[in-house]
Amino acid sequence: MSETPVRFQERLSIEQVEEGLDLAPKFDDRGLITVVTTDAASGELLMQGYMNADALRRTIETGEAHYWSRSRQVLWHKGATSGFVQRVRELLVDDDQDCIWLRVDVDGGASCHVGYRSCFYRRVPTGREFERKTSAGRIDLVFTDTEKVFDPEDVYGDAPNPTQL
């Protein structure tokens, strides 16, 4: 890790936040900021998660993605258990600095704890397709990815599910 600790700036003005050079992230009332993560090469959306200040600092310092698990209430280094580390190629912040976009390379090619490459492996039918797929008002999801990259049981064994309900 760097010897110089990452410091976030106090949010002083709209101009500073939207047009300035200061990193002044806006964490929500729980101390979290939304993160979307995509594959750096393909642009594929891999996952959406959250970071607290510590996770954002560690991500910046190490160049590897760290998140905050809302369900387990712990800092989580992506890939520490599975080996599917997300190496940050680019970290972007949106205009009002309340959302982070990570562009990553993934060791092993998977980002979803269920075993799929992306956490977005099901589609919600809309419009006419919804009319065909609905049964008594119930929406039936459509799998867009049918092959898993890994077997979660082999990787995690008896470890608690990373996203407990």
N, C-alpha and C. Protein backbone atom coordinates (compact mmCIF):
# COMPACT_ATOMS: atom_id res chain seq x y z
N MET A 1 0.83 -1.18 0.00
CA MET A 1 0.00 0.00 0.00
C MET A 1 0.87 1.24 0.00
N SER A 2 0.30 2.31 -0.46
CA SER A 2 1.00 3.58 -0.52
C SER A 2 1.29 4.10 0.88
N GLU A 3 2.41 4.82 1.00
CA GLU A 3 2.73 5.44 2.29
C GLU A 3 1.92 6.70 2.51
N THR A 4 1.36 7.26 1.45
CA THR A 4 0.53 8.44 1.55
C THR A 4 -0.93 7.99 1.63
N PRO A 5 -1.58 8.21 2.77
CA PRO A 5 -2.97 7.77 2.88
C PRO A 5 -3.90 8.58 1.98
N VAL A 6 -4.91 7.90 1.47
CA VAL A 6 -5.91 8.57 0.64
C VAL A 6 -6.77 9.45 1.53
N ARG A 7 -6.91 10.70 1.13
CA ARG A 7 -7.78 11.63 1.87
C ARG A 7 -8.85 12.16 0.92
N PHE A 8 -10.07 12.14 1.39
CA PHE A 8 -11.16 12.72 0.62
C PHE A 8 -11.34 14.16 1.07
N GLN A 9 -11.69 15.02 0.13
CA GLN A 9 -11.87 16.43 0.45
C GLN A 9 -13.29 16.70 0.94
N GLU A 10 -13.41 17.72 1.77
CA GLU A 10 -14.72 18.18 2.23
C GLU A 10 -15.45 18.77 1.03
N ARG A 11 -16.75 18.54 0.96
CA ARG A 11 -17.56 19.07 -0.13
C ARG A 11 -17.92 20.51 0.20
N LEU A 12 -17.39 21.46 -0.56
CA LEU A 12 -17.56 22.88 -0.24
C LEU A 12 -18.49 23.62 -1.18
N SER A 13 -18.52 23.21 -2.44
CA SER A 13 -19.37 23.92 -3.41
C SER A 13 -19.71 23.00 -4.57
N ILE A 14 -20.75 23.36 -5.29
CA ILE A 14 -21.14 22.60 -6.48
C ILE A 14 -20.01 22.64 -7.50
N GLU A 15 -19.41 23.82 -7.67
CA GLU A 15 -18.33 23.98 -8.63
C GLU A 15 -17.16 23.04 -8.29
N GLN A 16 -16.80 22.99 -7.01
CA GLN A 16 -15.69 22.13 -6.58
C GLN A 16 -16.01 20.67 -6.89
N VAL A 17 -17.23 20.24 -6.57
CA VAL A 17 -17.61 18.84 -6.74
C VAL A 17 -17.76 18.48 -8.21
N GLU A 18 -18.41 19.33 -8.98
CA GLU A 18 -18.74 19.00 -10.36
C GLU A 18 -17.67 19.36 -11.38
N GLU A 19 -16.86 20.39 -11.10
CA GLU A 19 -15.90 20.85 -12.09
C GLU A 19 -14.46 20.88 -11.58
N GLY A 20 -14.28 20.62 -10.29
CA GLY A 20 -12.95 20.73 -9.71
C GLY A 20 -12.14 19.45 -9.75
N LEU A 21 -10.96 19.51 -9.18
CA LEU A 21 -10.03 18.38 -9.16
C LEU A 21 -10.10 17.59 -7.86
N ASP A 22 -10.87 18.06 -6.89
CA ASP A 22 -10.95 17.41 -5.58
C ASP A 22 -11.80 16.14 -5.63
N LEU A 23 -11.29 15.07 -5.04
CA LEU A 23 -12.11 13.88 -4.83
C LEU A 23 -12.86 14.09 -3.53
N ALA A 24 -14.17 14.33 -3.67
CA ALA A 24 -15.03 14.63 -2.52
C ALA A 24 -16.29 13.78 -2.63
N PRO A 25 -16.15 12.46 -2.44
CA PRO A 25 -17.29 11.57 -2.65
C PRO A 25 -18.43 11.86 -1.68
N LYS A 26 -19.65 11.65 -2.18
CA LYS A 26 -20.84 11.84 -1.35
C LYS A 26 -21.35 10.46 -0.95
N PHE A 27 -21.11 10.11 0.30
CA PHE A 27 -21.61 8.86 0.84
C PHE A 27 -23.02 9.09 1.35
N ASP A 28 -23.89 8.08 1.28
CA ASP A 28 -25.28 8.25 1.73
C ASP A 28 -25.36 8.25 3.26
N ASP A 29 -26.57 8.26 3.77
CA ASP A 29 -26.76 8.34 5.23
C ASP A 29 -26.27 7.09 5.97
N ARG A 30 -25.97 6.02 5.23
CA ARG A 30 -25.39 4.81 5.84
C ARG A 30 -23.87 4.78 5.65
N GLY A 31 -23.34 5.85 5.04
CA GLY A 31 -21.90 5.91 4.79
C GLY A 31 -21.46 5.12 3.57
N LEU A 32 -22.37 4.92 2.61
CA LEU A 32 -22.08 4.10 1.43
C LEU A 32 -22.21 4.91 0.14
N ILE A 33 -21.48 4.46 -0.86
CA ILE A 33 -21.59 5.02 -2.20
C ILE A 33 -21.80 3.85 -3.17
N THR A 34 -22.68 4.01 -4.15
CA THR A 34 -22.96 2.98 -5.13
C THR A 34 -21.78 2.82 -6.08
N VAL A 35 -21.52 1.56 -6.45
CA VAL A 35 -20.43 1.23 -7.38
C VAL A 35 -20.99 0.32 -8.47
N VAL A 36 -20.75 0.69 -9.72
CA VAL A 36 -21.05 -0.22 -10.83
C VAL A 36 -19.70 -0.68 -11.38
N THR A 37 -19.63 -1.97 -11.71
CA THR A 37 -18.37 -2.56 -12.14
C THR A 37 -18.56 -3.23 -13.49
N THR A 38 -17.72 -2.86 -14.44
CA THR A 38 -17.79 -3.43 -15.78
C THR A 38 -16.44 -4.04 -16.17
N ASP A 39 -16.48 -4.95 -17.12
CA ASP A 39 -15.26 -5.53 -17.68
C ASP A 39 -14.57 -4.45 -18.51
N ALA A 40 -13.30 -4.21 -18.24
CA ALA A 40 -12.57 -3.14 -18.92
C ALA A 40 -12.46 -3.37 -20.42
N ALA A 41 -12.33 -4.61 -20.84
CA ALA A 41 -12.16 -4.91 -22.26
C ALA A 41 -13.47 -4.89 -23.03
N SER A 42 -14.49 -5.57 -22.50
CA SER A 42 -15.75 -5.74 -23.26
C SER A 42 -16.81 -4.70 -22.92
N GLY A 43 -16.72 -4.07 -21.74
CA GLY A 43 -17.75 -3.14 -21.30
C GLY A 43 -18.92 -3.83 -20.62
N GLU A 44 -18.90 -5.16 -20.55
CA GLU A 44 -19.99 -5.91 -19.94
C GLU A 44 -20.17 -5.51 -18.47
N LEU A 45 -21.43 -5.30 -18.08
CA LEU A 45 -21.74 -5.00 -16.69
C LEU A 45 -21.57 -6.27 -15.87
N LEU A 46 -20.69 -6.23 -14.87
CA LEU A 46 -20.41 -7.40 -14.06
C LEU A 46 -21.19 -7.41 -12.75
N MET A 47 -21.25 -6.27 -12.09
CA MET A 47 -21.93 -6.23 -10.80
C MET A 47 -22.19 -4.80 -10.38
N GLN A 48 -23.02 -4.67 -9.37
CA GLN A 48 -23.29 -3.40 -8.71
C GLN A 48 -23.11 -3.68 -7.23
N GLY A 49 -22.45 -2.80 -6.53
CA GLY A 49 -22.23 -2.98 -5.11
C GLY A 49 -22.11 -1.64 -4.42
N TYR A 50 -21.51 -1.67 -3.23
CA TYR A 50 -21.36 -0.46 -2.43
C TYR A 50 -19.97 -0.41 -1.84
N MET A 51 -19.51 0.79 -1.59
CA MET A 51 -18.26 1.00 -0.88
C MET A 51 -18.53 1.97 0.27
N ASN A 52 -17.84 1.74 1.38
CA ASN A 52 -17.78 2.78 2.39
C ASN A 52 -16.45 3.49 2.16
N ALA A 53 -16.11 4.46 3.00
CA ALA A 53 -14.88 5.23 2.79
C ALA A 53 -13.65 4.32 2.82
N ASP A 54 -13.62 3.36 3.73
CA ASP A 54 -12.48 2.46 3.84
C ASP A 54 -12.33 1.61 2.58
N ALA A 55 -13.42 1.08 2.06
CA ALA A 55 -13.36 0.27 0.83
C ALA A 55 -12.87 1.10 -0.35
N LEU A 56 -13.34 2.34 -0.46
CA LEU A 56 -12.89 3.21 -1.55
C LEU A 56 -11.40 3.51 -1.40
N ARG A 57 -10.97 3.82 -0.19
CA ARG A 57 -9.54 4.08 0.05
C ARG A 57 -8.69 2.86 -0.34
N ARG A 58 -9.10 1.68 0.12
CA ARG A 58 -8.31 0.46 -0.17
C ARG A 58 -8.29 0.15 -1.66
N THR A 59 -9.40 0.41 -2.33
CA THR A 59 -9.44 0.20 -3.78
C THR A 59 -8.45 1.12 -4.47
N ILE A 60 -8.44 2.38 -4.07
CA ILE A 60 -7.51 3.35 -4.66
C ILE A 60 -6.06 2.96 -4.34
N GLU A 61 -5.79 2.60 -3.11
CA GLU A 61 -4.43 2.28 -2.68
C GLU A 61 -3.88 1.01 -3.30
N THR A 62 -4.72 -0.04 -3.42
CA THR A 62 -4.23 -1.34 -3.88
C THR A 62 -4.42 -1.59 -5.36
N GLY A 63 -5.36 -0.88 -5.98
CA GLY A 63 -5.67 -1.15 -7.38
C GLY A 63 -6.51 -2.41 -7.56
N GLU A 64 -7.05 -2.94 -6.45
CA GLU A 64 -7.95 -4.09 -6.50
C GLU A 64 -9.26 -3.69 -5.82
N ALA A 65 -10.38 -4.19 -6.34
CA ALA A 65 -11.70 -3.79 -5.85
C ALA A 65 -11.98 -4.30 -4.44
N HIS A 66 -12.42 -3.39 -3.60
CA HIS A 66 -12.91 -3.69 -2.25
C HIS A 66 -14.32 -3.11 -2.16
N TYR A 67 -15.19 -3.81 -1.48
CA TYR A 67 -16.58 -3.38 -1.34
C TYR A 67 -16.98 -3.46 0.12
N TRP A 68 -18.15 -2.90 0.41
CA TRP A 68 -18.76 -3.05 1.73
C TRP A 68 -19.97 -3.96 1.56
N SER A 69 -20.00 -5.05 2.31
CA SER A 69 -21.14 -5.96 2.27
C SER A 69 -22.21 -5.45 3.21
N ARG A 70 -23.33 -5.04 2.66
CA ARG A 70 -24.44 -4.55 3.50
C ARG A 70 -25.05 -5.68 4.30
N SER A 71 -25.10 -6.89 3.73
CA SER A 71 -25.73 -8.00 4.44
C SER A 71 -24.86 -8.51 5.59
N ARG A 72 -23.55 -8.56 5.37
CA ARG A 72 -22.65 -9.09 6.41
C ARG A 72 -22.01 -7.99 7.25
N GLN A 73 -22.16 -6.73 6.80
CA GLN A 73 -21.57 -5.59 7.51
C GLN A 73 -20.06 -5.73 7.67
N VAL A 74 -19.38 -6.10 6.57
CA VAL A 74 -17.92 -6.24 6.59
C VAL A 74 -17.31 -5.70 5.30
N LEU A 75 -16.07 -5.28 5.41
CA LEU A 75 -15.28 -4.91 4.25
C LEU A 75 -14.95 -6.20 3.51
N TRP A 76 -14.99 -6.14 2.18
CA TRP A 76 -14.86 -7.35 1.39
C TRP A 76 -13.91 -7.08 0.22
N HIS A 77 -12.80 -7.79 0.17
CA HIS A 77 -11.84 -7.71 -0.94
C HIS A 77 -12.31 -8.71 -1.99
N LYS A 78 -12.80 -8.21 -3.10
CA LYS A 78 -13.37 -9.07 -4.14
C LYS A 78 -12.32 -10.06 -4.62
N GLY A 79 -12.63 -11.34 -4.47
CA GLY A 79 -11.74 -12.40 -4.92
C GLY A 79 -10.85 -12.97 -3.83
N ALA A 80 -10.91 -12.43 -2.63
CA ALA A 80 -10.06 -12.94 -1.54
C ALA A 80 -10.35 -14.41 -1.26
N THR A 81 -11.60 -14.82 -1.35
CA THR A 81 -11.96 -16.22 -1.12
C THR A 81 -11.95 -17.01 -2.42
N SER A 82 -12.54 -16.46 -3.47
CA SER A 82 -12.72 -17.20 -4.72
C SER A 82 -11.49 -17.18 -5.62
N GLY A 83 -10.65 -16.18 -5.48
CA GLY A 83 -9.52 -16.02 -6.40
C GLY A 83 -9.86 -15.17 -7.60
N PHE A 84 -11.12 -14.76 -7.75
CA PHE A 84 -11.56 -13.95 -8.88
C PHE A 84 -11.39 -12.47 -8.55
N VAL A 85 -10.14 -12.06 -8.37
CA VAL A 85 -9.81 -10.68 -7.99
C VAL A 85 -10.14 -9.73 -9.13
N GLN A 86 -10.71 -8.59 -8.79
CA GLN A 86 -10.98 -7.55 -9.78
C GLN A 86 -9.85 -6.53 -9.72
N ARG A 87 -9.04 -6.50 -10.77
CA ARG A 87 -7.93 -5.54 -10.86
C ARG A 87 -8.44 -4.29 -11.57
N VAL A 88 -8.38 -3.18 -10.88
CA VAL A 88 -8.96 -1.94 -11.39
C VAL A 88 -8.07 -1.35 -12.48
N ARG A 89 -8.66 -1.21 -13.63
CA ARG A 89 -7.96 -0.55 -14.71
C ARG A 89 -8.28 0.95 -14.72
N GLU A 90 -9.51 1.27 -14.30
CA GLU A 90 -9.92 2.68 -14.24
C GLU A 90 -11.02 2.83 -13.20
N LEU A 91 -10.92 3.89 -12.40
CA LEU A 91 -11.93 4.22 -11.40
C LEU A 91 -12.45 5.60 -11.76
N LEU A 92 -13.73 5.68 -12.06
CA LEU A 92 -14.34 6.95 -12.44
C LEU A 92 -15.38 7.34 -11.41
N VAL A 93 -15.59 8.64 -11.27
CA VAL A 93 -16.60 9.15 -10.36
C VAL A 93 -17.57 9.98 -11.20
N ASP A 94 -18.86 9.92 -10.88
CA ASP A 94 -19.83 10.67 -11.68
C ASP A 94 -19.79 12.15 -11.33
N ASP A 95 -20.62 12.93 -12.02
CA ASP A 95 -20.57 14.40 -11.93
C ASP A 95 -20.76 14.95 -10.52
N ASP A 96 -21.67 14.38 -9.74
CA ASP A 96 -21.84 14.90 -8.38
C ASP A 96 -21.18 13.99 -7.34
N GLN A 97 -20.35 13.10 -7.80
CA GLN A 97 -19.50 12.25 -6.96
C GLN A 97 -20.29 11.41 -5.95
N ASP A 98 -21.45 10.89 -6.40
CA ASP A 98 -22.20 9.97 -5.52
C ASP A 98 -22.33 8.58 -6.12
N CYS A 99 -21.51 8.30 -7.13
CA CYS A 99 -21.49 6.98 -7.75
C CYS A 99 -20.11 6.73 -8.34
N ILE A 100 -19.62 5.51 -8.17
CA ILE A 100 -18.31 5.09 -8.68
C ILE A 100 -18.52 4.08 -9.80
N TRP A 101 -17.70 4.20 -10.83
CA TRP A 101 -17.68 3.22 -11.92
C TRP A 101 -16.29 2.62 -11.95
N LEU A 102 -16.21 1.31 -11.75
CA LEU A 102 -14.94 0.59 -11.86
C LEU A 102 -14.90 -0.14 -13.18
N ARG A 103 -13.82 0.04 -13.91
CA ARG A 103 -13.54 -0.76 -15.11
C ARG A 103 -12.42 -1.70 -14.70
N VAL A 104 -12.69 -3.02 -14.76
CA VAL A 104 -11.77 -3.99 -14.17
C VAL A 104 -11.40 -5.12 -15.14
N ASP A 105 -10.29 -5.75 -14.81
CA ASP A 105 -9.92 -7.05 -15.38
C ASP A 105 -10.16 -8.04 -14.25
N VAL A 106 -10.78 -9.18 -14.56
CA VAL A 106 -11.12 -10.15 -13.53
C VAL A 106 -10.29 -11.41 -13.68
N ASP A 107 -9.49 -11.71 -12.65
CA ASP A 107 -8.75 -12.97 -12.64
C ASP A 107 -9.76 -14.12 -12.61
N GLY A 108 -9.67 -15.04 -13.53
CA GLY A 108 -10.57 -16.18 -13.55
C GLY A 108 -11.86 -15.93 -14.32
N GLY A 109 -12.15 -14.69 -14.64
CA GLY A 109 -13.27 -14.38 -15.52
C GLY A 109 -14.66 -14.36 -14.93
N ALA A 110 -14.83 -14.48 -13.61
CA ALA A 110 -16.17 -14.47 -13.02
C ALA A 110 -16.25 -13.41 -11.92
N SER A 111 -17.43 -12.81 -11.79
CA SER A 111 -17.64 -11.81 -10.74
C SER A 111 -18.83 -12.13 -9.85
N CYS A 112 -19.62 -13.12 -10.21
CA CYS A 112 -20.84 -13.41 -9.47
C CYS A 112 -20.63 -14.60 -8.53
N HIS A 113 -21.04 -14.44 -7.28
CA HIS A 113 -20.85 -15.53 -6.31
C HIS A 113 -21.71 -16.75 -6.62
N VAL A 114 -22.68 -16.60 -7.52
CA VAL A 114 -23.54 -17.72 -7.91
C VAL A 114 -22.84 -18.60 -8.96
N GLY A 115 -21.75 -18.08 -9.54
CA GLY A 115 -20.98 -18.86 -10.50
C GLY A 115 -20.99 -18.32 -11.92
N TYR A 116 -21.85 -17.36 -12.19
CA TYR A 116 -21.91 -16.79 -13.53
C TYR A 116 -20.84 -15.71 -13.68
N ARG A 117 -20.52 -15.38 -14.92
CA ARG A 117 -19.53 -14.33 -15.18
C ARG A 117 -19.98 -13.00 -14.62
N SER A 118 -21.24 -12.64 -14.85
CA SER A 118 -21.81 -11.37 -14.41
C SER A 118 -22.94 -11.65 -13.43
N CYS A 119 -23.17 -10.72 -12.53
CA CYS A 119 -24.30 -10.84 -11.61
C CYS A 119 -25.63 -10.59 -12.33
N PHE A 120 -25.57 -10.09 -13.54
CA PHE A 120 -26.77 -9.79 -14.32
C PHE A 120 -26.98 -10.88 -15.35
N TYR A 121 -27.48 -12.03 -14.90
CA TYR A 121 -27.63 -13.20 -15.76
C TYR A 121 -29.09 -13.54 -16.04
N ARG A 122 -30.02 -12.67 -15.60
CA ARG A 122 -31.45 -12.86 -15.89
C ARG A 122 -32.04 -11.55 -16.37
N ARG A 123 -32.99 -11.66 -17.27
CA ARG A 123 -33.63 -10.50 -17.86
C ARG A 123 -35.10 -10.49 -17.46
N VAL A 124 -35.63 -9.30 -17.27
CA VAL A 124 -37.06 -9.13 -16.98
C VAL A 124 -37.76 -8.83 -18.30
N PRO A 125 -38.73 -9.65 -18.69
CA PRO A 125 -39.46 -9.38 -19.94
C PRO A 125 -40.28 -8.10 -19.81
N THR A 126 -40.33 -7.35 -20.89
CA THR A 126 -41.11 -6.10 -20.92
C THR A 126 -42.00 -6.08 -22.15
N GLY A 127 -42.99 -5.20 -22.12
CA GLY A 127 -43.87 -5.01 -23.27
C GLY A 127 -44.57 -6.28 -23.69
N ARG A 128 -44.54 -6.58 -24.98
CA ARG A 128 -45.22 -7.76 -25.51
C ARG A 128 -44.64 -9.05 -24.96
N GLU A 129 -43.33 -9.09 -24.76
CA GLU A 129 -42.73 -10.29 -24.20
C GLU A 129 -43.27 -10.53 -22.79
N PHE A 130 -43.46 -9.46 -22.02
CA PHE A 130 -44.04 -9.59 -20.69
C PHE A 130 -45.43 -10.22 -20.78
N GLU A 131 -46.23 -9.75 -21.73
CA GLU A 131 -47.57 -10.30 -21.90
C GLU A 131 -47.53 -11.79 -22.19
N ARG A 132 -46.55 -12.25 -22.97
CA ARG A 132 -46.42 -13.67 -23.29
C ARG A 132 -45.86 -14.47 -22.12
N LYS A 133 -44.99 -13.87 -21.32
CA LYS A 133 -44.28 -14.60 -20.26
C LYS A 133 -44.96 -14.52 -18.90
N THR A 134 -45.94 -13.68 -18.76
CA THR A 134 -46.57 -13.52 -17.45
C THR A 134 -47.57 -14.65 -17.20
N SER A 135 -47.65 -15.05 -15.96
CA SER A 135 -48.66 -16.05 -15.58
C SER A 135 -49.38 -15.52 -14.35
N ALA A 136 -50.61 -15.10 -14.55
CA ALA A 136 -51.45 -14.56 -13.47
C ALA A 136 -50.75 -13.41 -12.74
N GLY A 137 -50.12 -12.49 -13.51
CA GLY A 137 -49.49 -11.33 -12.91
C GLY A 137 -48.07 -11.58 -12.41
N ARG A 138 -47.65 -12.82 -12.43
CA ARG A 138 -46.30 -13.16 -11.97
C ARG A 138 -45.32 -13.00 -13.12
N ILE A 139 -44.18 -12.39 -12.85
CA ILE A 139 -43.16 -12.21 -13.88
C ILE A 139 -42.18 -13.38 -13.83
N ASP A 140 -42.03 -14.06 -14.96
CA ASP A 140 -41.05 -15.13 -15.07
C ASP A 140 -39.79 -14.56 -15.71
N LEU A 141 -38.68 -14.60 -14.97
CA LEU A 141 -37.41 -14.11 -15.48
C LEU A 141 -36.89 -15.02 -16.59
N VAL A 142 -36.07 -14.44 -17.46
CA VAL A 142 -35.48 -15.18 -18.58
C VAL A 142 -33.96 -15.20 -18.37
N PHE A 143 -33.37 -16.40 -18.33
CA PHE A 143 -31.92 -16.51 -18.18
C PHE A 143 -31.23 -16.06 -19.46
N THR A 144 -30.26 -15.17 -19.32
CA THR A 144 -29.47 -14.72 -20.46
C THR A 144 -28.13 -15.43 -20.49
N ASP A 145 -27.74 -16.02 -19.38
CA ASP A 145 -26.50 -16.77 -19.27
C ASP A 145 -26.87 -18.11 -18.66
N THR A 146 -26.53 -19.19 -19.32
CA THR A 146 -26.95 -20.50 -18.84
C THR A 146 -25.79 -21.37 -18.35
N GLU A 147 -24.56 -20.92 -18.59
CA GLU A 147 -23.41 -21.71 -18.16
C GLU A 147 -22.62 -20.95 -17.11
N LYS A 148 -22.35 -21.63 -16.01
CA LYS A 148 -21.58 -21.02 -14.94
C LYS A 148 -20.08 -21.15 -15.24
N VAL A 149 -19.33 -20.16 -14.78
CA VAL A 149 -17.88 -20.17 -14.93
C VAL A 149 -17.26 -21.09 -13.89
N PHE A 150 -17.90 -21.18 -12.72
CA PHE A 150 -17.40 -22.03 -11.64
C PHE A 150 -18.56 -22.55 -10.82
N ASP A 151 -18.28 -23.60 -10.05
CA ASP A 151 -19.27 -24.17 -9.14
C ASP A 151 -19.08 -23.52 -7.77
N PRO A 152 -20.05 -22.75 -7.28
CA PRO A 152 -19.91 -22.07 -5.99
C PRO A 152 -19.60 -23.02 -4.84
N GLU A 153 -20.13 -24.24 -4.88
CA GLU A 153 -19.87 -25.21 -3.81
C GLU A 153 -18.39 -25.57 -3.76
N ASP A 154 -17.76 -25.72 -4.94
CA ASP A 154 -16.32 -26.03 -4.99
C ASP A 154 -15.48 -24.86 -4.48
N VAL A 155 -15.91 -23.64 -4.77
CA VAL A 155 -15.14 -22.46 -4.40
C VAL A 155 -15.36 -22.05 -2.95
N TYR A 156 -16.62 -22.00 -2.53
CA TYR A 156 -16.94 -21.48 -1.20
C TYR A 156 -17.20 -22.56 -0.17
N GLY A 157 -17.52 -23.78 -0.61
CA GLY A 157 -17.81 -24.85 0.32
C GLY A 157 -18.90 -24.47 1.31
N ASP A 158 -18.59 -24.60 2.58
CA ASP A 158 -19.56 -24.28 3.63
C ASP A 158 -19.51 -22.82 4.07
N ALA A 159 -18.69 -22.01 3.42
CA ALA A 159 -18.60 -20.59 3.79
C ALA A 159 -19.97 -19.95 3.62
N PRO A 160 -20.27 -18.95 4.45
CA PRO A 160 -21.57 -18.28 4.31
C PRO A 160 -21.69 -17.60 2.95
N ASN A 161 -22.88 -17.63 2.42
CA ASN A 161 -23.19 -16.98 1.15
C ASN A 161 -22.84 -15.51 1.29
N PRO A 162 -22.05 -14.94 0.33
CA PRO A 162 -21.64 -13.54 0.43
C PRO A 162 -22.80 -12.55 0.44
N THR A 163 -23.95 -12.95 -0.04
CA THR A 163 -25.07 -12.01 -0.08
C THR A 163 -26.28 -12.61 0.62
N GLN A 164 -26.11 -12.97 1.88
CA GLN A 164 -27.21 -13.54 2.67
C GLN A 164 -28.46 -12.69 2.51
N LEU A 165 -29.61 -13.33 2.44
CA LEU A 165 -30.87 -12.58 2.29
C LEU A 165 -31.19 -11.78 3.51
